[in-house]
Amino acid sequence: MILELNEIVEGNVEYLDDIKFDNEVFLYIVRSPYPRAIIRSIVPPKNTSLFTHLKS
């Protein structure tokens, strides 16, 4: 068996999702149900911690 395939089968391969960084930030993309609409404002829900980790 090829060496690379053996590592994959045994679970010894590191994927991009396995790499973690300090102060890592994730991006979420929300698509509008209205094509070519103009976004006038974005109001996050009050019960979410979406912006609590982003401090300047």
PDB file of N, CA and C in Angstrom:
ATOM      1  N   MET A   1       0.845  -1.179   0.000  1.00  0.00           N
ATOM      2  CA  MET A   1       0.000   0.000   0.000  1.00  0.00           C
ATOM      3  C   MET A   1       0.895   1.249   0.000  1.00  0.00           C
ATOM      4  N   ILE A   2       0.472   2.285  -0.677  1.00  0.00           N
ATOM      5  CA  ILE A   2       1.239   3.522  -0.757  1.00  0.00           C
ATOM      6  C   ILE A   2       1.281   4.170   0.633  1.00  0.00           C
ATOM      7  N   LEU A   3       2.396   4.787   0.990  1.00  0.00           N
ATOM      8  CA  LEU A   3       2.604   5.361   2.320  1.00  0.00           C
ATOM      9  C   LEU A   3       1.546   6.416   2.650  1.00  0.00           C
ATOM     10  N   GLU A   4       1.203   7.277   1.702  1.00  0.00           N
ATOM     11  CA  GLU A   4       0.218   8.327   1.951  1.00  0.00           C
ATOM     12  C   GLU A   4      -1.156   7.723   2.246  1.00  0.00           C
ATOM     13  N   LEU A   5      -1.540   6.702   1.513  1.00  0.00           N
ATOM     14  CA  LEU A   5      -2.833   6.066   1.740  1.00  0.00           C
ATOM     15  C   LEU A   5      -2.878   5.386   3.098  1.00  0.00           C
ATOM     16  N   ASN A   6      -1.762   4.805   3.521  1.00  0.00           N
ATOM     17  CA  ASN A   6      -1.697   4.141   4.805  1.00  0.00           C
ATOM     18  C   ASN A   6      -1.905   5.152   5.937  1.00  0.00           C
ATOM     19  N   GLU A   7      -1.324   6.345   5.818  1.00  0.00           N
ATOM     20  CA  GLU A   7      -1.504   7.386   6.830  1.00  0.00           C
ATOM     21  C   GLU A   7      -2.952   7.840   6.902  1.00  0.00           C
ATOM     22  N   ILE A   8      -3.623   7.934   5.771  1.00  0.00           N
ATOM     23  CA  ILE A   8      -5.024   8.339   5.740  1.00  0.00           C
ATOM     24  C   ILE A   8      -5.893   7.285   6.409  1.00  0.00           C
ATOM     25  N   VAL A   9      -5.671   6.039   6.105  1.00  0.00           N
ATOM     26  CA  VAL A   9      -6.465   4.948   6.662  1.00  0.00           C
ATOM     27  C   VAL A   9      -6.279   4.861   8.177  1.00  0.00           C
ATOM     28  N   GLU A  10      -5.059   5.087   8.650  1.00  0.00           N
ATOM     29  CA  GLU A  10      -4.782   4.998  10.079  1.00  0.00           C
ATOM     30  C   GLU A  10      -5.203   6.256  10.838  1.00  0.00           C
ATOM     31  N   GLY A  11      -5.577   7.319  10.128  1.00  0.00           N
ATOM     32  CA  GLY A  11      -6.014   8.556  10.776  1.00  0.00           C
ATOM     33  C   GLY A  11      -4.880   9.422  11.260  1.00  0.00           C
ATOM     34  N   ASN A  12      -3.724   9.311  10.657  1.00  0.00           N
ATOM     35  CA  ASN A  12      -2.554  10.079  11.072  1.00  0.00           C
ATOM     36  C   ASN A  12      -2.306  11.299  10.192  1.00  0.00           C
ATOM     37  N   VAL A  13      -3.308  11.767   9.483  1.00  0.00           N
ATOM     38  CA  VAL A  13      -3.161  12.899   8.580  1.00  0.00           C
ATOM     39  C   VAL A  13      -3.749  14.131   9.260  1.00  0.00           C
ATOM     40  N   GLU A  14      -3.062  15.277   9.133  1.00  0.00           N
ATOM     41  CA  GLU A  14      -3.561  16.526   9.709  1.00  0.00           C
ATOM     42  C   GLU A  14      -4.211  17.343   8.591  1.00  0.00           C
ATOM     43  N   TYR A  15      -5.480  17.659   8.773  1.00  0.00           N
ATOM     44  CA  TYR A  15      -6.234  18.432   7.786  1.00  0.00           C
ATOM     45  C   TYR A  15      -6.259  19.900   8.206  1.00  0.00           C
ATOM     46  N   LEU A  16      -6.692  20.770   7.309  1.00  0.00           N
ATOM     47  CA  LEU A  16      -6.747  22.196   7.621  1.00  0.00           C
ATOM     48  C   LEU A  16      -7.690  22.493   8.787  1.00  0.00           C
ATOM     49  N   ASP A  17      -8.764  21.738   8.946  1.00  0.00           N
ATOM     50  CA  ASP A  17      -9.674  21.952  10.070  1.00  0.00           C
ATOM     51  C   ASP A  17      -9.054  21.550  11.402  1.00  0.00           C
ATOM     52  N   ASP A  18      -7.985  20.792  11.387  1.00  0.00           N
ATOM     53  CA  ASP A  18      -7.322  20.371  12.618  1.00  0.00           C
ATOM     54  C   ASP A  18      -6.381  21.435  13.168  1.00  0.00           C
ATOM     55  N   ILE A  19      -6.022  22.427  12.365  1.00  0.00           N
ATOM     56  CA  ILE A  19      -5.075  23.460  12.780  1.00  0.00           C
ATOM     57  C   ILE A  19      -5.840  24.566  13.500  1.00  0.00           C
ATOM     58  N   LYS A  20      -5.402  24.906  14.716  1.00  0.00           N
ATOM     59  CA  LYS A  20      -6.038  25.954  15.512  1.00  0.00           C
ATOM     60  C   LYS A  20      -5.016  27.044  15.810  1.00  0.00           C
ATOM     61  N   PHE A  21      -5.454  28.304  15.774  1.00  0.00           N
ATOM     62  CA  PHE A  21      -4.602  29.442  16.053  1.00  0.00           C
ATOM     63  C   PHE A  21      -5.148  30.200  17.264  1.00  0.00           C
ATOM     64  N   ASP A  22      -4.265  30.915  17.959  1.00  0.00           N
ATOM     65  CA  ASP A  22      -4.708  31.790  19.034  1.00  0.00           C
ATOM     66  C   ASP A  22      -5.501  32.947  18.439  1.00  0.00           C
ATOM     67  N   ASN A  23      -6.542  33.377  19.140  1.00  0.00           N
ATOM     68  CA  ASN A  23      -7.404  34.486  18.693  1.00  0.00           C
ATOM     69  C   ASN A  23      -7.994  34.220  17.318  1.00  0.00           C
ATOM     70  N   GLU A  24      -8.363  32.987  17.052  1.00  0.00           N
ATOM     71  CA  GLU A  24      -8.930  32.601  15.769  1.00  0.00           C
ATOM     72  C   GLU A  24     -10.337  33.185  15.628  1.00  0.00           C
ATOM     73  N   VAL A  25     -10.652  33.704  14.463  1.00  0.00           N
ATOM     74  CA  VAL A  25     -11.951  34.312  14.183  1.00  0.00           C
ATOM     75  C   VAL A  25     -12.579  33.567  13.014  1.00  0.00           C
ATOM     76  N   PHE A  26     -13.873  33.301  13.112  1.00  0.00           N
ATOM     77  CA  PHE A  26     -14.600  32.610  12.051  1.00  0.00           C
ATOM     78  C   PHE A  26     -15.496  33.588  11.317  1.00  0.00           C
ATOM     79  N   LEU A  27     -15.734  33.316  10.065  1.00  0.00           N
ATOM     80  CA  LEU A  27     -16.579  34.151   9.228  1.00  0.00           C
ATOM     81  C   LEU A  27     -17.823  33.375   8.840  1.00  0.00           C
ATOM     82  N   TYR A  28     -18.966  33.991   9.035  1.00  0.00           N
ATOM     83  CA  TYR A  28     -20.231  33.386   8.624  1.00  0.00           C
ATOM     84  C   TYR A  28     -20.834  34.254   7.533  1.00  0.00           C
ATOM     85  N   ILE A  29     -21.253  33.635   6.457  1.00  0.00           N
ATOM     86  CA  ILE A  29     -21.868  34.354   5.346  1.00  0.00           C
ATOM     87  C   ILE A  29     -23.348  33.996   5.319  1.00  0.00           C
ATOM     88  N   VAL A  30     -24.166  35.027   5.373  1.00  0.00           N
ATOM     89  CA  VAL A  30     -25.614  34.844   5.336  1.00  0.00           C
ATOM     90  C   VAL A  30     -26.112  35.424   4.029  1.00  0.00           C
ATOM     91  N   ARG A  31     -26.780  34.594   3.257  1.00  0.00           N
ATOM     92  CA  ARG A  31     -27.274  35.053   1.960  1.00  0.00           C
ATOM     93  C   ARG A  31     -28.692  35.600   2.092  1.00  0.00           C
ATOM     94  N   SER A  32     -28.946  36.637   1.360  1.00  0.00           N
ATOM     95  CA  SER A  32     -30.267  37.246   1.355  1.00  0.00           C
ATOM     96  C   SER A  32     -31.206  36.452   0.455  1.00  0.00           C
ATOM     97  N   PRO A  33     -32.459  36.306   0.859  1.00  0.00           N
ATOM     98  CA  PRO A  33     -33.419  35.630  -0.013  1.00  0.00           C
ATOM     99  C   PRO A  33     -33.889  36.520  -1.170  1.00  0.00           C
ATOM    100  N   TYR A  34     -33.450  37.797  -1.155  1.00  0.00           N
ATOM    101  CA  TYR A  34     -33.872  38.746  -2.177  1.00  0.00           C
ATOM    102  C   TYR A  34     -32.689  39.083  -3.085  1.00  0.00           C
ATOM    103  N   PRO A  35     -32.719  38.664  -4.339  1.00  0.00           N
ATOM    104  CA  PRO A  35     -31.605  38.957  -5.232  1.00  0.00           C
ATOM    105  C   PRO A  35     -31.491  40.455  -5.523  1.00  0.00           C
ATOM    106  N   ARG A  36     -30.269  40.953  -5.526  1.00  0.00           N
ATOM    107  CA  ARG A  36     -29.960  42.364  -5.829  1.00  0.00           C
ATOM    108  C   ARG A  36     -30.603  43.337  -4.849  1.00  0.00           C
ATOM    109  N   ALA A  37     -30.887  42.901  -3.648  1.00  0.00           N
ATOM    110  CA  ALA A  37     -31.451  43.793  -2.636  1.00  0.00           C
ATOM    111  C   ALA A  37     -30.348  44.642  -2.021  1.00  0.00           C
ATOM    112  N   ILE A  38     -30.698  45.804  -1.550  1.00  0.00           N
ATOM    113  CA  ILE A  38     -29.758  46.696  -0.871  1.00  0.00           C
ATOM    114  C   ILE A  38     -29.895  46.470   0.628  1.00  0.00           C
ATOM    115  N   ILE A  39     -28.787  46.116   1.280  1.00  0.00           N
ATOM    116  CA  ILE A  39     -28.813  45.890   2.723  1.00  0.00           C
ATOM    117  C   ILE A  39     -28.637  47.238   3.412  1.00  0.00           C
ATOM    118  N   ARG A  40     -29.636  47.646   4.155  1.00  0.00           N
ATOM    119  CA  ARG A  40     -29.596  48.946   4.834  1.00  0.00           C
ATOM    120  C   ARG A  40     -29.068  48.837   6.251  1.00  0.00           C
ATOM    121  N   SER A  41     -29.259  47.694   6.898  1.00  0.00           N
ATOM    122  CA  SER A  41     -28.720  47.498   8.245  1.00  0.00           C
ATOM    123  C   SER A  41     -28.703  46.007   8.568  1.00  0.00           C
ATOM    124  N   ILE A  42     -27.857  45.667   9.527  1.00  0.00           N
ATOM    125  CA  ILE A  42     -27.776  44.297  10.026  1.00  0.00           C
ATOM    126  C   ILE A  42     -27.953  44.365  11.532  1.00  0.00           C
ATOM    127  N   VAL A  43     -28.982  43.712  12.041  1.00  0.00           N
ATOM    128  CA  VAL A  43     -29.264  43.714  13.470  1.00  0.00           C
ATOM    129  C   VAL A  43     -29.098  42.288  13.988  1.00  0.00           C
ATOM    130  N   PRO A  44     -28.041  42.034  14.786  1.00  0.00           N
ATOM    131  CA  PRO A  44     -27.864  40.676  15.321  1.00  0.00           C
ATOM    132  C   PRO A  44     -28.882  40.401  16.423  1.00  0.00           C
ATOM    133  N   PRO A  45     -29.231  39.158  16.641  1.00  0.00           N
ATOM    134  CA  PRO A  45     -30.153  38.832  17.730  1.00  0.00           C
ATOM    135  C   PRO A  45     -29.566  39.240  19.075  1.00  0.00           C
ATOM    136  N   LYS A  46     -30.438  39.611  20.019  1.00  0.00           N
ATOM    137  CA  LYS A  46     -29.969  40.094  21.316  1.00  0.00           C
ATOM    138  C   LYS A  46     -29.420  38.971  22.185  1.00  0.00           C
ATOM    139  N   ASN A  47     -29.845  37.743  21.966  1.00  0.00           N
ATOM    140  CA  ASN A  47     -29.431  36.636  22.824  1.00  0.00           C
ATOM    141  C   ASN A  47     -28.250  35.854  22.258  1.00  0.00           C
ATOM    142  N   THR A  48     -27.399  36.496  21.478  1.00  0.00           N
ATOM    143  CA  THR A  48     -26.262  35.806  20.899  1.00  0.00           C
ATOM    144  C   THR A  48     -24.958  36.436  21.372  1.00  0.00           C
ATOM    145  N   SER A  49     -23.920  35.656  21.367  1.00  0.00           N
ATOM    146  CA  SER A  49     -22.597  36.160  21.732  1.00  0.00           C
ATOM    147  C   SER A  49     -21.748  36.352  20.476  1.00  0.00           C
ATOM    148  N   LEU A  50     -22.383  36.747  19.397  1.00  0.00           N
ATOM    149  CA  LEU A  50     -21.707  36.856  18.104  1.00  0.00           C
ATOM    150  C   LEU A  50     -20.569  37.858  18.134  1.00  0.00           C
ATOM    151  N   PHE A  51     -20.792  39.018  18.735  1.00  0.00           N
ATOM    152  CA  PHE A  51     -19.781  40.080  18.703  1.00  0.00           C
ATOM    153  C   PHE A  51     -19.078  40.264  20.036  1.00  0.00           C
ATOM    154  N   THR A  52     -19.298  39.426  21.012  1.00  0.00           N
ATOM    155  CA  THR A  52     -18.679  39.614  22.325  1.00  0.00           C
ATOM    156  C   THR A  52     -17.191  39.294  22.312  1.00  0.00           C
ATOM    157  N   HIS A  53     -16.710  38.473  21.411  1.00  0.00           N
ATOM    158  CA  HIS A  53     -15.303  38.090  21.386  1.00  0.00           C
ATOM    159  C   HIS A  53     -14.449  39.048  20.569  1.00  0.00           C
ATOM    160  N   LEU A  54     -15.075  39.929  19.845  1.00  0.00           N
ATOM    161  CA  LEU A  54     -14.324  40.864  18.997  1.00  0.00           C
ATOM    162  C   LEU A  54     -14.137  42.174  19.740  1.00  0.00           C
ATOM    163  N   LYS A  55     -13.023  42.300  20.430  1.00  0.00           N
ATOM    164  CA  LYS A  55     -12.718  43.525  21.157  1.00  0.00           C
ATOM    165  C   LYS A  55     -11.460  44.138  20.563  1.00  0.00           C
ATOM    166  N   SER A  56     -11.488  45.448  20.374  1.00  0.00           N
ATOM    167  CA  SER A  56     -10.319  46.101  19.779  1.00  0.00           C
ATOM    168  C   SER A  56      -9.387  46.639  20.832  1.00  0.00           C
TER     169      SER A  56
END
